[in-house]
N, C-alpha and C. Protein backbone atom coordinates (compact mmCIF):
# COMPACT_ATOMS: atom_id res chain seq x y z
N MET A 1 16.48 82.42 -18.76
CA MET A 1 15.62 81.32 -18.38
C MET A 1 14.99 80.72 -19.64
N GLU A 2 15.05 79.41 -19.75
CA GLU A 2 14.49 78.75 -20.92
C GLU A 2 12.97 78.69 -20.82
N GLN A 3 12.36 78.89 -21.97
CA GLN A 3 10.89 78.82 -22.00
C GLN A 3 10.48 77.35 -22.08
N GLN A 4 9.60 76.95 -21.20
CA GLN A 4 9.15 75.57 -21.18
C GLN A 4 8.11 75.35 -22.27
N MET A 5 8.16 74.16 -22.88
CA MET A 5 7.16 73.83 -23.89
C MET A 5 5.87 73.45 -23.18
N LYS A 6 4.79 73.96 -23.68
CA LYS A 6 3.49 73.63 -23.09
C LYS A 6 3.01 72.30 -23.64
N LYS A 7 2.34 71.54 -22.80
CA LYS A 7 1.79 70.27 -23.24
C LYS A 7 0.59 70.53 -24.14
N GLN A 8 0.49 69.72 -25.19
CA GLN A 8 -0.64 69.83 -26.10
C GLN A 8 -1.87 69.26 -25.42
N ARG A 9 -2.97 69.97 -25.51
CA ARG A 9 -4.22 69.52 -24.89
C ARG A 9 -5.19 69.07 -25.96
N ALA A 10 -6.07 68.18 -25.58
CA ALA A 10 -7.11 67.73 -26.50
C ALA A 10 -8.09 68.86 -26.75
N THR A 11 -8.61 68.93 -27.95
CA THR A 11 -9.63 69.92 -28.27
C THR A 11 -10.92 69.18 -28.62
N TRP A 12 -12.03 69.74 -28.22
CA TRP A 12 -13.32 69.09 -28.41
C TRP A 12 -14.31 70.06 -29.05
N LYS A 13 -15.11 69.55 -29.97
CA LYS A 13 -16.25 70.32 -30.49
C LYS A 13 -17.36 70.20 -29.45
N ARG A 14 -18.29 71.11 -29.48
CA ARG A 14 -19.36 71.12 -28.47
C ARG A 14 -20.15 69.81 -28.50
N ALA A 15 -20.52 69.31 -29.70
CA ALA A 15 -21.29 68.07 -29.81
C ALA A 15 -20.49 66.87 -29.29
N ASP A 16 -19.18 66.86 -29.58
CA ASP A 16 -18.33 65.77 -29.10
C ASP A 16 -18.25 65.78 -27.57
N GLU A 17 -18.14 66.96 -27.01
CA GLU A 17 -18.06 67.09 -25.56
C GLU A 17 -19.36 66.64 -24.90
N LYS A 18 -20.49 66.97 -25.51
CA LYS A 18 -21.78 66.54 -24.96
C LYS A 18 -21.90 65.02 -24.99
N LEU A 19 -21.43 64.39 -26.08
CA LEU A 19 -21.47 62.93 -26.17
C LEU A 19 -20.56 62.31 -25.11
N LEU A 20 -19.38 62.88 -24.92
CA LEU A 20 -18.46 62.39 -23.89
C LEU A 20 -19.12 62.45 -22.51
N LEU A 21 -19.73 63.58 -22.20
CA LEU A 21 -20.37 63.73 -20.89
C LEU A 21 -21.56 62.79 -20.74
N LYS A 22 -22.31 62.59 -21.82
CA LYS A 22 -23.44 61.66 -21.79
C LYS A 22 -22.95 60.23 -21.52
N CYS A 23 -21.87 59.83 -22.20
CA CYS A 23 -21.31 58.49 -22.00
C CYS A 23 -20.75 58.35 -20.59
N TYR A 24 -20.09 59.40 -20.10
CA TYR A 24 -19.53 59.37 -18.74
C TYR A 24 -20.65 59.22 -17.71
N LEU A 25 -21.72 59.98 -17.88
CA LEU A 25 -22.83 59.90 -16.93
C LEU A 25 -23.46 58.51 -16.94
N ALA A 26 -23.60 57.93 -18.14
CA ALA A 26 -24.17 56.59 -18.24
C ALA A 26 -23.27 55.58 -17.51
N ALA A 27 -21.96 55.70 -17.70
CA ALA A 27 -21.02 54.79 -17.03
C ALA A 27 -21.04 55.03 -15.52
N ARG A 28 -21.16 56.27 -15.13
CA ARG A 28 -21.17 56.62 -13.69
C ARG A 28 -22.42 56.07 -13.01
N ASN A 29 -23.51 55.96 -13.73
CA ASN A 29 -24.75 55.44 -13.16
C ASN A 29 -24.86 53.92 -13.25
N ASP A 30 -23.90 53.27 -13.92
CA ASP A 30 -23.87 51.81 -14.02
C ASP A 30 -23.08 51.27 -12.82
N ALA A 31 -23.74 50.51 -11.98
CA ALA A 31 -23.11 50.03 -10.74
C ALA A 31 -21.86 49.20 -11.00
N SER A 32 -21.79 48.51 -12.14
CA SER A 32 -20.62 47.67 -12.42
C SER A 32 -19.43 48.48 -12.91
N LEU A 33 -19.64 49.75 -13.27
CA LEU A 33 -18.56 50.58 -13.82
C LEU A 33 -18.16 51.73 -12.90
N GLU A 34 -18.97 52.02 -11.90
CA GLU A 34 -18.69 53.19 -11.07
C GLU A 34 -17.73 52.88 -9.93
N THR A 35 -17.06 53.93 -9.46
CA THR A 35 -16.25 53.87 -8.25
C THR A 35 -16.73 55.01 -7.36
N ASP A 36 -16.13 55.14 -6.20
CA ASP A 36 -16.52 56.24 -5.30
C ASP A 36 -16.28 57.60 -5.93
N LYS A 37 -15.22 57.71 -6.72
CA LYS A 37 -14.84 59.01 -7.25
C LYS A 37 -14.92 59.12 -8.77
N GLY A 38 -15.42 58.11 -9.46
CA GLY A 38 -15.46 58.22 -10.91
C GLY A 38 -15.87 56.93 -11.58
N VAL A 39 -15.10 56.57 -12.61
CA VAL A 39 -15.42 55.41 -13.43
C VAL A 39 -14.21 54.48 -13.47
N LYS A 40 -14.47 53.18 -13.43
CA LYS A 40 -13.41 52.18 -13.51
C LYS A 40 -12.76 52.20 -14.90
N PRO A 41 -11.55 51.68 -15.03
CA PRO A 41 -10.90 51.62 -16.35
C PRO A 41 -11.75 50.91 -17.40
N LYS A 42 -12.48 49.89 -16.99
CA LYS A 42 -13.37 49.19 -17.91
C LYS A 42 -14.42 50.15 -18.47
N GLY A 43 -14.91 51.04 -17.62
CA GLY A 43 -15.88 52.04 -18.05
C GLY A 43 -15.29 53.03 -19.03
N TRP A 44 -14.04 53.46 -18.76
CA TRP A 44 -13.36 54.38 -19.69
C TRP A 44 -13.14 53.72 -21.04
N ALA A 45 -12.83 52.42 -21.03
CA ALA A 45 -12.65 51.70 -22.30
C ALA A 45 -13.94 51.72 -23.10
N LYS A 46 -15.07 51.55 -22.42
CA LYS A 46 -16.37 51.59 -23.11
C LYS A 46 -16.67 52.99 -23.63
N ILE A 47 -16.31 54.00 -22.86
CA ILE A 47 -16.53 55.39 -23.30
C ILE A 47 -15.70 55.68 -24.54
N VAL A 48 -14.43 55.31 -24.53
CA VAL A 48 -13.55 55.55 -25.68
C VAL A 48 -14.04 54.78 -26.90
N ALA A 49 -14.50 53.54 -26.69
CA ALA A 49 -15.03 52.75 -27.81
C ALA A 49 -16.27 53.41 -28.41
N ARG A 50 -17.12 53.95 -27.57
CA ARG A 50 -18.34 54.64 -28.04
C ARG A 50 -17.98 55.89 -28.82
N LEU A 51 -17.01 56.64 -28.34
CA LEU A 51 -16.57 57.84 -29.05
C LEU A 51 -15.94 57.47 -30.39
N ALA A 52 -15.15 56.39 -30.41
CA ALA A 52 -14.52 55.95 -31.66
C ALA A 52 -15.57 55.51 -32.67
N LYS A 53 -16.64 54.89 -32.18
CA LYS A 53 -17.73 54.46 -33.06
C LYS A 53 -18.36 55.67 -33.76
N GLU A 54 -18.38 56.80 -33.09
CA GLU A 54 -18.93 58.04 -33.66
C GLU A 54 -17.88 58.82 -34.45
N GLY A 55 -16.66 58.27 -34.54
CA GLY A 55 -15.61 58.94 -35.29
C GLY A 55 -14.89 60.03 -34.53
N ILE A 56 -14.97 59.99 -33.22
CA ILE A 56 -14.33 61.00 -32.37
C ILE A 56 -13.07 60.40 -31.78
N SER A 57 -11.95 61.06 -32.00
CA SER A 57 -10.68 60.60 -31.46
C SER A 57 -10.53 61.12 -30.03
N ALA A 58 -10.21 60.23 -29.12
CA ALA A 58 -10.02 60.63 -27.73
C ALA A 58 -8.57 60.99 -27.45
N ASP A 59 -7.75 61.04 -28.50
CA ASP A 59 -6.33 61.39 -28.35
C ASP A 59 -6.15 62.89 -28.40
N LYS A 60 -5.00 63.33 -27.94
CA LYS A 60 -4.67 64.75 -28.00
C LYS A 60 -4.39 65.14 -29.45
N GLY A 61 -4.73 66.39 -29.77
CA GLY A 61 -4.39 66.91 -31.08
C GLY A 61 -5.44 66.96 -32.03
C-alpha cells in the first residue's frame, strides 16, 4: 500500500494566532461582514490584509 502524502498545514505563533482571532471576532461583530455561520469573503479579505500589514503570512508553510 502506498503511503499518502500529508497536506502541509499552516503554522502559527501564539501572538499571530491571537491577532487572527482578534481580527476574526471584530469581523464577526461587524453586521456588514457577518453571516449566520461566520464571516463573508469581504471580511476574510480584510482579515488577511490586516495580518499582512503586521507581516504575517496567511499562506501555508
